[in-house]
Amino acid sequence: MITKHLSVSERTRILDLACGKGAVSVYLAKELGCMVKGIDLIPEFIDFALNKAQEFGVEKFCEFQVGDITESVKEEKDYDIVIYGAVGNVLDDWEETVILLKIR
């Protein structure tokens, strides 16, 4: 879906909010060869994601960080794509979240 709508290069930056164990992040880094940063609240998930990135040989394209995404959206900036998947309503209003991310 991403490549259908956007031109992706090694300079493309993706932010994966509430990335969990990093499956989507690792897959995108491998398939698209671009930089992906995943943030999740659970340290064990981040450890798992780091190991998966190494296992698939994309550790140089992936950054994983333990963090609260409600705070991260206030600080993260300069991403071409933001993934906010099956997290539920963690950030309350998704439209406001998009606006916050867009103006950064």
PDB file of N, CA and C in Angstrom:
ATOM      1  N   MET A   1       0.822  -1.182   0.000  1.00  0.00           N
ATOM      2  CA  MET A   1       0.000   0.000   0.000  1.00  0.00           C
ATOM      3  C   MET A   1       0.879   1.263   0.000  1.00  0.00           C
ATOM      4  N   ILE A   2       1.985   1.228   0.718  1.00  0.00           N
ATOM      5  CA  ILE A   2       2.849   2.404   0.794  1.00  0.00           C
ATOM      6  C   ILE A   2       3.412   2.754  -0.576  1.00  0.00           C
ATOM      7  N   THR A   3       4.001   1.784  -1.245  1.00  0.00           N
ATOM      8  CA  THR A   3       4.627   2.069  -2.538  1.00  0.00           C
ATOM      9  C   THR A   3       3.603   2.399  -3.620  1.00  0.00           C
ATOM     10  N   LYS A   4       2.374   2.027  -3.396  1.00  0.00           N
ATOM     11  CA  LYS A   4       1.319   2.363  -4.354  1.00  0.00           C
ATOM     12  C   LYS A   4       1.018   3.866  -4.321  1.00  0.00           C
ATOM     13  N   HIS A   5       1.226   4.484  -3.144  1.00  0.00           N
ATOM     14  CA  HIS A   5       0.865   5.888  -2.982  1.00  0.00           C
ATOM     15  C   HIS A   5       2.046   6.840  -2.820  1.00  0.00           C
ATOM     16  N   LEU A   6       3.223   6.290  -2.509  1.00  0.00           N
ATOM     17  CA  LEU A   6       4.384   7.148  -2.260  1.00  0.00           C
ATOM     18  C   LEU A   6       5.626   6.590  -2.931  1.00  0.00           C
ATOM     19  N   SER A   7       6.506   7.491  -3.279  1.00  0.00           N
ATOM     20  CA  SER A   7       7.817   7.087  -3.775  1.00  0.00           C
ATOM     21  C   SER A   7       8.713   6.903  -2.547  1.00  0.00           C
ATOM     22  N   VAL A   8       9.270   5.714  -2.385  1.00  0.00           N
ATOM     23  CA  VAL A   8      10.068   5.388  -1.209  1.00  0.00           C
ATOM     24  C   VAL A   8      11.518   5.193  -1.613  1.00  0.00           C
ATOM     25  N   SER A   9      12.418   5.770  -0.804  1.00  0.00           N
ATOM     26  CA  SER A   9      13.854   5.600  -1.034  1.00  0.00           C
ATOM     27  C   SER A   9      14.523   5.327   0.307  1.00  0.00           C
ATOM     28  N   GLU A  10      15.848   5.198   0.284  1.00  0.00           N
ATOM     29  CA  GLU A  10      16.576   4.972   1.533  1.00  0.00           C
ATOM     30  C   GLU A  10      16.490   6.195   2.454  1.00  0.00           C
ATOM     31  N   ARG A  11      16.076   7.325   1.933  1.00  0.00           N
ATOM     32  CA  ARG A  11      15.908   8.532   2.749  1.00  0.00           C
ATOM     33  C   ARG A  11      14.537   8.626   3.416  1.00  0.00           C
ATOM     34  N   THR A  12      13.622   7.779   3.020  1.00  0.00           N
ATOM     35  CA  THR A  12      12.278   7.780   3.603  1.00  0.00           C
ATOM     36  C   THR A  12      12.365   7.396   5.074  1.00  0.00           C
ATOM     37  N   ARG A  13      11.652   8.142   5.913  1.00  0.00           N
ATOM     38  CA  ARG A  13      11.645   7.882   7.353  1.00  0.00           C
ATOM     39  C   ARG A  13      10.231   7.526   7.793  1.00  0.00           C
ATOM     40  N   ILE A  14      10.134   6.388   8.488  1.00  0.00           N
ATOM     41  CA  ILE A  14       8.844   5.893   8.961  1.00  0.00           C
ATOM     42  C   ILE A  14       8.855   5.834  10.479  1.00  0.00           C
ATOM     43  N   LEU A  15       7.773   6.283  11.086  1.00  0.00           N
ATOM     44  CA  LEU A  15       7.581   6.186  12.530  1.00  0.00           C
ATOM     45  C   LEU A  15       6.460   5.196  12.787  1.00  0.00           C
ATOM     46  N   ASP A  16       6.739   4.187  13.598  1.00  0.00           N
ATOM     47  CA  ASP A  16       5.758   3.158  13.938  1.00  0.00           C
ATOM     48  C   ASP A  16       5.390   3.327  15.408  1.00  0.00           C
ATOM     49  N   LEU A  17       4.245   3.970  15.653  1.00  0.00           N
ATOM     50  CA  LEU A  17       3.779   4.212  17.014  1.00  0.00           C
ATOM     51  C   LEU A  17       3.144   2.956  17.587  1.00  0.00           C
ATOM     52  N   ALA A  18       3.525   2.614  18.821  1.00  0.00           N
ATOM     53  CA  ALA A  18       3.069   1.386  19.477  1.00  0.00           C
ATOM     54  C   ALA A  18       3.428   0.193  18.596  1.00  0.00           C
ATOM     55  N   CYS A  19       4.706   0.089  18.295  1.00  0.00           N
ATOM     56  CA  CYS A  19       5.199  -0.901  17.328  1.00  0.00           C
ATOM     57  C   CYS A  19       5.126  -2.343  17.817  1.00  0.00           C
ATOM     58  N   GLY A  20       4.843  -2.539  19.085  1.00  0.00           N
ATOM     59  CA  GLY A  20       4.779  -3.903  19.605  1.00  0.00           C
ATOM     60  C   GLY A  20       6.124  -4.594  19.463  1.00  0.00           C
ATOM     61  N   LYS A  21       6.106  -5.786  18.915  1.00  0.00           N
ATOM     62  CA  LYS A  21       7.334  -6.572  18.751  1.00  0.00           C
ATOM     63  C   LYS A  21       8.068  -6.260  17.452  1.00  0.00           C
ATOM     64  N   GLY A  22       7.634  -5.223  16.752  1.00  0.00           N
ATOM     65  CA  GLY A  22       8.367  -4.716  15.607  1.00  0.00           C
ATOM     66  C   GLY A  22       8.147  -5.414  14.283  1.00  0.00           C
ATOM     67  N   ALA A  23       7.144  -6.262  14.175  1.00  0.00           N
ATOM     68  CA  ALA A  23       6.923  -7.018  12.940  1.00  0.00           C
ATOM     69  C   ALA A  23       6.758  -6.099  11.732  1.00  0.00           C
ATOM     70  N   VAL A  24       5.929  -5.088  11.854  1.00  0.00           N
ATOM     71  CA  VAL A  24       5.691  -4.170  10.732  1.00  0.00           C
ATOM     72  C   VAL A  24       6.951  -3.368  10.427  1.00  0.00           C
ATOM     73  N   SER A  25       7.610  -2.868  11.457  1.00  0.00           N
ATOM     74  CA  SER A  25       8.828  -2.073  11.268  1.00  0.00           C
ATOM     75  C   SER A  25       9.910  -2.866  10.554  1.00  0.00           C
ATOM     76  N   VAL A  26      10.151  -4.069  11.025  1.00  0.00           N
ATOM     77  CA  VAL A  26      11.198  -4.915  10.433  1.00  0.00           C
ATOM     78  C   VAL A  26      10.834  -5.259   8.992  1.00  0.00           C
ATOM     79  N   TYR A  27       9.591  -5.589   8.755  1.00  0.00           N
ATOM     80  CA  TYR A  27       9.153  -5.921   7.398  1.00  0.00           C
ATOM     81  C   TYR A  27       9.363  -4.731   6.452  1.00  0.00           C
ATOM     82  N   LEU A  28       8.961  -3.543   6.889  1.00  0.00           N
ATOM     83  CA  LEU A  28       9.106  -2.367   6.027  1.00  0.00           C
ATOM     84  C   LEU A  28      10.570  -2.047   5.767  1.00  0.00           C
ATOM     85  N   ALA A  29      11.399  -2.157   6.785  1.00  0.00           N
ATOM     86  CA  ALA A  29      12.829  -1.903   6.598  1.00  0.00           C
ATOM     87  C   ALA A  29      13.413  -2.886   5.594  1.00  0.00           C
ATOM     88  N   LYS A  30      13.020  -4.138   5.680  1.00  0.00           N
ATOM     89  CA  LYS A  30      13.542  -5.166   4.772  1.00  0.00           C
ATOM     90  C   LYS A  30      13.020  -4.977   3.351  1.00  0.00           C
ATOM     91  N   GLU A  31      11.746  -4.746   3.223  1.00  0.00           N
ATOM     92  CA  GLU A  31      11.131  -4.647   1.897  1.00  0.00           C
ATOM     93  C   GLU A  31      11.410  -3.317   1.196  1.00  0.00           C
ATOM     94  N   LEU A  32      11.478  -2.233   1.968  1.00  0.00           N
ATOM     95  CA  LEU A  32      11.607  -0.909   1.366  1.00  0.00           C
ATOM     96  C   LEU A  32      13.003  -0.320   1.493  1.00  0.00           C
ATOM     97  N   GLY A  33      13.825  -0.876   2.374  1.00  0.00           N
ATOM     98  CA  GLY A  33      15.185  -0.368   2.554  1.00  0.00           C
ATOM     99  C   GLY A  33      15.236   1.051   3.082  1.00  0.00           C
ATOM    100  N   CYS A  34      14.288   1.390   3.938  1.00  0.00           N
ATOM    101  CA  CYS A  34      14.254   2.744   4.488  1.00  0.00           C
ATOM    102  C   CYS A  34      14.354   2.711   6.012  1.00  0.00           C
ATOM    103  N   MET A  35      14.532   3.877   6.594  1.00  0.00           N
ATOM    104  CA  MET A  35      14.685   3.992   8.034  1.00  0.00           C
ATOM    105  C   MET A  35      13.323   3.908   8.724  1.00  0.00           C
ATOM    106  N   VAL A  36      13.269   3.087   9.785  1.00  0.00           N
ATOM    107  CA  VAL A  36      12.035   2.911  10.547  1.00  0.00           C
ATOM    108  C   VAL A  36      12.355   3.043  12.034  1.00  0.00           C
ATOM    109  N   LYS A  37      11.571   3.865  12.711  1.00  0.00           N
ATOM    110  CA  LYS A  37      11.704   3.982  14.166  1.00  0.00           C
ATOM    111  C   LYS A  37      10.424   3.477  14.799  1.00  0.00           C
ATOM    112  N   GLY A  38      10.557   2.507  15.704  1.00  0.00           N
ATOM    113  CA  GLY A  38       9.418   1.971  16.426  1.00  0.00           C
ATOM    114  C   GLY A  38       9.471   2.370  17.884  1.00  0.00           C
ATOM    115  N   ILE A  39       8.332   2.762  18.419  1.00  0.00           N
ATOM    116  CA  ILE A  39       8.232   3.144  19.827  1.00  0.00           C
ATOM    117  C   ILE A  39       7.124   2.326  20.468  1.00  0.00           C
ATOM    118  N   ASP A  40       7.444   1.748  21.626  1.00  0.00           N
ATOM    119  CA  ASP A  40       6.446   0.981  22.366  1.00  0.00           C
ATOM    120  C   ASP A  40       6.731   1.114  23.853  1.00  0.00           C
ATOM    121  N   LEU A  41       5.713   0.973  24.643  1.00  0.00           N
ATOM    122  CA  LEU A  41       5.793   1.130  26.085  1.00  0.00           C
ATOM    123  C   LEU A  41       6.401  -0.089  26.785  1.00  0.00           C
ATOM    124  N   ILE A  42       6.382  -1.236  26.143  1.00  0.00           N
ATOM    125  CA  ILE A  42       6.789  -2.481  26.796  1.00  0.00           C
ATOM    126  C   ILE A  42       8.228  -2.834  26.424  1.00  0.00           C
ATOM    127  N   PRO A  43       9.146  -2.775  27.400  1.00  0.00           N
ATOM    128  CA  PRO A  43      10.566  -3.037  27.123  1.00  0.00           C
ATOM    129  C   PRO A  43      10.835  -4.406  26.489  1.00  0.00           C
ATOM    130  N   GLU A  44      10.105  -5.412  26.904  1.00  0.00           N
ATOM    131  CA  GLU A  44      10.309  -6.756  26.343  1.00  0.00           C
ATOM    132  C   GLU A  44       9.968  -6.786  24.858  1.00  0.00           C
ATOM    133  N   PHE A  45       8.965  -6.033  24.454  1.00  0.00           N
ATOM    134  CA  PHE A  45       8.614  -5.950  23.029  1.00  0.00           C
ATOM    135  C   PHE A  45       9.736  -5.281  22.246  1.00  0.00           C
ATOM    136  N   ILE A  46      10.313  -4.233  22.811  1.00  0.00           N
ATOM    137  CA  ILE A  46      11.412  -3.528  22.141  1.00  0.00           C
ATOM    138  C   ILE A  46      12.625  -4.449  22.020  1.00  0.00           C
ATOM    139  N   ASP A  47      12.941  -5.198  23.065  1.00  0.00           N
ATOM    140  CA  ASP A  47      14.043  -6.174  22.997  1.00  0.00           C
ATOM    141  C   ASP A  47      13.796  -7.190  21.893  1.00  0.00           C
ATOM    142  N   PHE A  48      12.567  -7.685  21.805  1.00  0.00           N
ATOM    143  CA  PHE A  48      12.203  -8.651  20.768  1.00  0.00           C
ATOM    144  C   PHE A  48      12.388  -8.024  19.382  1.00  0.00           C
ATOM    145  N   ALA A  49      11.920  -6.785  19.230  1.00  0.00           N
ATOM    146  CA  ALA A  49      12.024  -6.088  17.937  1.00  0.00           C
ATOM    147  C   ALA A  49      13.485  -5.902  17.530  1.00  0.00           C
ATOM    148  N   LEU A  50      14.335  -5.540  18.468  1.00  0.00           N
ATOM    149  CA  LEU A  50      15.763  -5.374  18.174  1.00  0.00           C
ATOM    150  C   LEU A  50      16.375  -6.694  17.698  1.00  0.00           C
ATOM    151  N   ASN A  51      16.005  -7.775  18.354  1.00  0.00           N
ATOM    152  CA  ASN A  51      16.504  -9.096  17.946  1.00  0.00           C
ATOM    153  C   ASN A  51      16.003  -9.483  16.553  1.00  0.00           C
ATOM    154  N   LYS A  52      14.742  -9.186  16.264  1.00  0.00           N
ATOM    155  CA  LYS A  52      14.186  -9.500  14.941  1.00  0.00           C
ATOM    156  C   LYS A  52      14.874  -8.685  13.846  1.00  0.00           C
ATOM    157  N   ALA A  53      15.157  -7.434  14.140  1.00  0.00           N
ATOM    158  CA  ALA A  53      15.856  -6.595  13.159  1.00  0.00           C
ATOM    159  C   ALA A  53      17.228  -7.193  12.851  1.00  0.00           C
ATOM    160  N   GLN A  54      17.928  -7.664  13.867  1.00  0.00           N
ATOM    161  CA  GLN A  54      19.227  -8.314  13.650  1.00  0.00           C
ATOM    162  C   GLN A  54      19.054  -9.608  12.867  1.00  0.00           C
ATOM    163  N   GLU A  55      18.071 -10.394  13.250  1.00  0.00           N
ATOM    164  CA  GLU A  55      17.817 -11.677  12.583  1.00  0.00           C
ATOM    165  C   GLU A  55      17.568 -11.485  11.086  1.00  0.00           C
ATOM    166  N   PHE A  56      16.863 -10.426  10.729  1.00  0.00           N
ATOM    167  CA  PHE A  56      16.537 -10.172   9.321  1.00  0.00           C
ATOM    168  C   PHE A  56      17.549  -9.255   8.631  1.00  0.00           C
ATOM    169  N   GLY A  57      18.616  -8.899   9.346  1.00  0.00           N
ATOM    170  CA  GLY A  57      19.687  -8.112   8.744  1.00  0.00           C
ATOM    171  C   GLY A  57      19.345  -6.665   8.447  1.00  0.00           C
ATOM    172  N   VAL A  58      18.396  -6.096   9.193  1.00  0.00           N
ATOM    173  CA  VAL A  58      17.993  -4.709   8.937  1.00  0.00           C
ATOM    174  C   VAL A  58      18.235  -3.802  10.144  1.00  0.00           C
ATOM    175  N   GLU A  59      19.122  -4.219  11.042  1.00  0.00           N
ATOM    176  CA  GLU A  59      19.363  -3.417  12.246  1.00  0.00           C
ATOM    177  C   GLU A  59      19.872  -2.011  11.927  1.00  0.00           C
ATOM    178  N   LYS A  60      20.539  -1.850  10.780  1.00  0.00           N
ATOM    179  CA  LYS A  60      21.019  -0.503  10.429  1.00  0.00           C
ATOM    180  C   LYS A  60      19.880   0.406   9.941  1.00  0.00           C
ATOM    181  N   PHE A  61      18.746  -0.185   9.607  1.00  0.00           N
ATOM    182  CA  PHE A  61      17.585   0.586   9.163  1.00  0.00           C
ATOM    183  C   PHE A  61      16.552   0.799  10.266  1.00  0.00           C
ATOM    184  N   CYS A  62      16.713   0.089  11.386  1.00  0.00           N
ATOM    185  CA  CYS A  62      15.700   0.118  12.442  1.00  0.00           C
ATOM    186  C   CYS A  62      16.227   0.734  13.724  1.00  0.00           C
ATOM    187  N   GLU A  63      15.385   1.534  14.328  1.00  0.00           N
ATOM    188  CA  GLU A  63      15.640   2.046  15.669  1.00  0.00           C
ATOM    189  C   GLU A  63      14.395   1.741  16.485  1.00  0.00           C
ATOM    190  N   PHE A  64      14.592   1.157  17.652  1.00  0.00           N
ATOM    191  CA  PHE A  64      13.469   0.857  18.530  1.00  0.00           C
ATOM    192  C   PHE A  64      13.707   1.514  19.876  1.00  0.00           C
ATOM    193  N   GLN A  65      12.644   2.075  20.427  1.00  0.00           N
ATOM    194  CA  GLN A  65      12.769   2.838  21.657  1.00  0.00           C
ATOM    195  C   GLN A  65      11.596   2.545  22.581  1.00  0.00           C
ATOM    196  N   VAL A  66      11.897   2.352  23.856  1.00  0.00           N
ATOM    197  CA  VAL A  66      10.842   2.240  24.853  1.00  0.00           C
ATOM    198  C   VAL A  66      10.332   3.641  25.126  1.00  0.00           C
ATOM    199  N   GLY A  67       9.036   3.819  25.023  1.00  0.00           N
ATOM    200  CA  GLY A  67       8.484   5.145  25.275  1.00  0.00           C
ATOM    201  C   GLY A  67       6.972   5.149  25.239  1.00  0.00           C
ATOM    202  N   ASP A  68       6.424   6.193  25.799  1.00  0.00           N
ATOM    203  CA  ASP A  68       4.987   6.413  25.828  1.00  0.00           C
ATOM    204  C   ASP A  68       4.615   7.210  24.575  1.00  0.00           C
ATOM    205  N   ILE A  69       3.829   6.618  23.706  1.00  0.00           N
ATOM    206  CA  ILE A  69       3.526   7.299  22.441  1.00  0.00           C
ATOM    207  C   ILE A  69       2.724   8.580  22.638  1.00  0.00           C
ATOM    208  N   THR A  70       2.024   8.709  23.774  1.00  0.00           N
ATOM    209  CA  THR A  70       1.299   9.955  24.017  1.00  0.00           C
ATOM    210  C   THR A  70       2.272  11.112  24.198  1.00  0.00           C
ATOM    211  N   GLU A  71       3.477  10.821  24.653  1.00  0.00           N
ATOM    212  CA  GLU A  71       4.514  11.840  24.762  1.00  0.00           C
ATOM    213  C   GLU A  71       5.329  11.926  23.465  1.00  0.00           C
ATOM    214  N   SER A  72       5.560  10.798  22.840  1.00  0.00           N
ATOM    215  CA  SER A  72       6.374  10.753  21.618  1.00  0.00           C
ATOM    216  C   SER A  72       5.801  11.609  20.496  1.00  0.00           C
ATOM    217  N   VAL A  73       4.480  11.626  20.370  1.00  0.00           N
ATOM    218  CA  VAL A  73       3.883  12.411  19.284  1.00  0.00           C
ATOM    219  C   VAL A  73       4.124  13.902  19.461  1.00  0.00           C
ATOM    220  N   LYS A  74       4.471  14.312  20.674  1.00  0.00           N
ATOM    221  CA  LYS A  74       4.765  15.721  20.927  1.00  0.00           C
ATOM    222  C   LYS A  74       6.200  16.077  20.535  1.00  0.00           C
ATOM    223  N   GLU A  75       7.055  15.062  20.425  1.00  0.00           N
ATOM    224  CA  GLU A  75       8.480  15.304  20.197  1.00  0.00           C
ATOM    225  C   GLU A  75       8.994  14.834  18.838  1.00  0.00           C
ATOM    226  N   GLU A  76       8.452  13.769  18.314  1.00  0.00           N
ATOM    227  CA  GLU A  76       8.943  13.203  17.051  1.00  0.00           C
ATOM    228  C   GLU A  76       8.584  14.116  15.895  1.00  0.00           C
ATOM    229  N   LYS A  77       9.487  14.201  14.914  1.00  0.00           N
ATOM    230  CA  LYS A  77       9.220  15.069  13.764  1.00  0.00           C
ATOM    231  C   LYS A  77      10.005  14.581  12.549  1.00  0.00           C
ATOM    232  N   ASP A  78       9.681  15.132  11.410  1.00  0.00           N
ATOM    233  CA  ASP A  78      10.377  14.872  10.151  1.00  0.00           C
ATOM    234  C   ASP A  78      10.240  13.439   9.641  1.00  0.00           C
ATOM    235  N   TYR A  79       9.058  12.878   9.779  1.00  0.00           N
ATOM    236  CA  TYR A  79       8.796  11.547   9.230  1.00  0.00           C
ATOM    237  C   TYR A  79       7.944  11.682   7.972  1.00  0.00           C
ATOM    238  N   ASP A  80       8.195  10.795   7.039  1.00  0.00           N
ATOM    239  CA  ASP A  80       7.411  10.782   5.808  1.00  0.00           C
ATOM    240  C   ASP A  80       6.129   9.984   5.977  1.00  0.00           C
ATOM    241  N   ILE A  81       6.198   8.976   6.836  1.00  0.00           N
ATOM    242  CA  ILE A  81       5.071   8.067   7.061  1.00  0.00           C
ATOM    243  C   ILE A  81       4.982   7.797   8.555  1.00  0.00           C
ATOM    244  N   VAL A  82       3.757   7.819   9.082  1.00  0.00           N
ATOM    245  CA  VAL A  82       3.526   7.436  10.473  1.00  0.00           C
ATOM    246  C   VAL A  82       2.520   6.297  10.486  1.00  0.00           C
ATOM    247  N   ILE A  83       2.894   5.229  11.177  1.00  0.00           N
ATOM    248  CA  ILE A  83       2.008   4.082  11.312  1.00  0.00           C
ATOM    249  C   ILE A  83       1.431   4.099  12.721  1.00  0.00           C
ATOM    250  N   TYR A  84       0.131   4.059  12.778  1.00  0.00           N
ATOM    251  CA  TYR A  84      -0.589   4.013  14.051  1.00  0.00           C
ATOM    252  C   TYR A  84      -1.617   2.913  13.903  1.00  0.00           C
ATOM    253  N   GLY A  85      -1.142   1.687  14.108  1.00  0.00           N
ATOM    254  CA  GLY A  85      -1.945   0.504  13.794  1.00  0.00           C
ATOM    255  C   GLY A  85      -2.979   0.139  14.829  1.00  0.00           C
ATOM    256  N   ALA A  86      -3.065  -1.127  15.093  1.00  0.00           N
ATOM    257  CA  ALA A  86      -4.116  -1.694  15.934  1.00  0.00           C
ATOM    258  C   ALA A  86      -3.845  -1.458  17.414  1.00  0.00           C
ATOM    259  N   VAL A  87      -3.881  -0.202  17.819  1.00  0.00           N
ATOM    260  CA  VAL A  87      -3.562   0.171  19.190  1.00  0.00           C
ATOM    261  C   VAL A  87      -4.813   0.502  19.980  1.00  0.00           C
ATOM    262  N   GLY A  88      -5.898   0.687  19.301  1.00  0.00           N
ATOM    263  CA  GLY A  88      -7.093   1.160  19.978  1.00  0.00           C
ATOM    264  C   GLY A  88      -7.078   2.679  20.013  1.00  0.00           C
ATOM    265  N   ASN A  89      -7.702   3.242  21.004  1.00  0.00           N
ATOM    266  CA  ASN A  89      -7.839   4.691  21.081  1.00  0.00           C
ATOM    267  C   ASN A  89      -6.862   5.284  22.100  1.00  0.00           C
ATOM    268  N   VAL A  90      -5.628   4.856  22.072  1.00  0.00           N
ATOM    269  CA  VAL A  90      -4.617   5.287  23.036  1.00  0.00           C
ATOM    270  C   VAL A  90      -4.395   6.787  22.986  1.00  0.00           C
ATOM    271  N   LEU A  91      -4.380   7.355  21.816  1.00  0.00           N
ATOM    272  CA  LEU A  91      -4.099   8.785  21.670  1.00  0.00           C
ATOM    273  C   LEU A  91      -5.368   9.627  21.608  1.00  0.00           C
ATOM    274  N   ASP A  92      -6.479   9.069  22.040  1.00  0.00           N
ATOM    275  CA  ASP A  92      -7.772   9.748  22.030  1.00  0.00           C
ATOM    276  C   ASP A  92      -8.216  10.072  20.621  1.00  0.00           C
ATOM    277  N   ASP A  93      -8.005  11.247  20.173  1.00  0.00           N
ATOM    278  CA  ASP A  93      -8.513  11.720  18.891  1.00  0.00           C
ATOM    279  C   ASP A  93      -7.459  11.534  17.799  1.00  0.00           C
ATOM    280  N   TRP A  94      -7.671  10.582  16.884  1.00  0.00           N
ATOM    281  CA  TRP A  94      -6.666  10.300  15.855  1.00  0.00           C
ATOM    282  C   TRP A  94      -6.456  11.492  14.934  1.00  0.00           C
ATOM    283  N   GLU A  95      -7.513  12.276  14.709  1.00  0.00           N
ATOM    284  CA  GLU A  95      -7.364  13.441  13.833  1.00  0.00           C
ATOM    285  C   GLU A  95      -6.423  14.469  14.456  1.00  0.00           C
ATOM    286  N   GLU A  96      -6.552  14.688  15.760  1.00  0.00           N
ATOM    287  CA  GLU A  96      -5.657  15.621  16.450  1.00  0.00           C
ATOM    288  C   GLU A  96      -4.225  15.088  16.437  1.00  0.00           C
ATOM    289  N   THR A  97      -4.073  13.790  16.564  1.00  0.00           N
ATOM    290  CA  THR A  97      -2.750  13.164  16.514  1.00  0.00           C
ATOM    291  C   THR A  97      -2.097  13.413  15.161  1.00  0.00           C
ATOM    292  N   VAL A  98      -2.843  13.249  14.095  1.00  0.00           N
ATOM    293  CA  VAL A  98      -2.318  13.491  12.752  1.00  0.00           C
ATOM    294  C   VAL A  98      -1.900  14.948  12.608  1.00  0.00           C
ATOM    295  N   ILE A  99      -2.699  15.858  13.111  1.00  0.00           N
ATOM    296  CA  ILE A  99      -2.360  17.277  13.037  1.00  0.00           C
ATOM    297  C   ILE A  99      -1.078  17.562  13.818  1.00  0.00           C
ATOM    298  N   LEU A 100      -0.962  17.009  15.018  1.00  0.00           N
ATOM    299  CA  LEU A 100       0.248  17.189  15.812  1.00  0.00           C
ATOM    300  C   LEU A 100       1.477  16.709  15.061  1.00  0.00           C
ATOM    301  N   LEU A 101       1.388  15.541  14.468  1.00  0.00           N
ATOM    302  CA  LEU A 101       2.514  14.977  13.742  1.00  0.00           C
ATOM    303  C   LEU A 101       2.803  15.746  12.463  1.00  0.00           C
ATOM    304  N   LYS A 102       1.781  16.254  11.833  1.00  0.00           N
ATOM    305  CA  LYS A 102       1.936  16.960  10.564  1.00  0.00           C
ATOM    306  C   LYS A 102       2.655  18.295  10.723  1.00  0.00           C
ATOM    307  N   ILE A 103       2.412  18.998  11.823  1.00  0.00           N
ATOM    308  CA  ILE A 103       3.013  20.317  11.972  1.00  0.00           C
ATOM    309  C   ILE A 103       4.433  20.255  12.500  1.00  0.00           C
ATOM    310  N   ARG A 104       4.926  19.103  12.800  1.00  0.00           N
ATOM    311  CA  ARG A 104       6.292  18.994  13.346  1.00  0.00           C
ATOM    312  C   ARG A 104       7.275  18.797  12.246  1.00  0.00           C
TER     313      ARG A 104
END
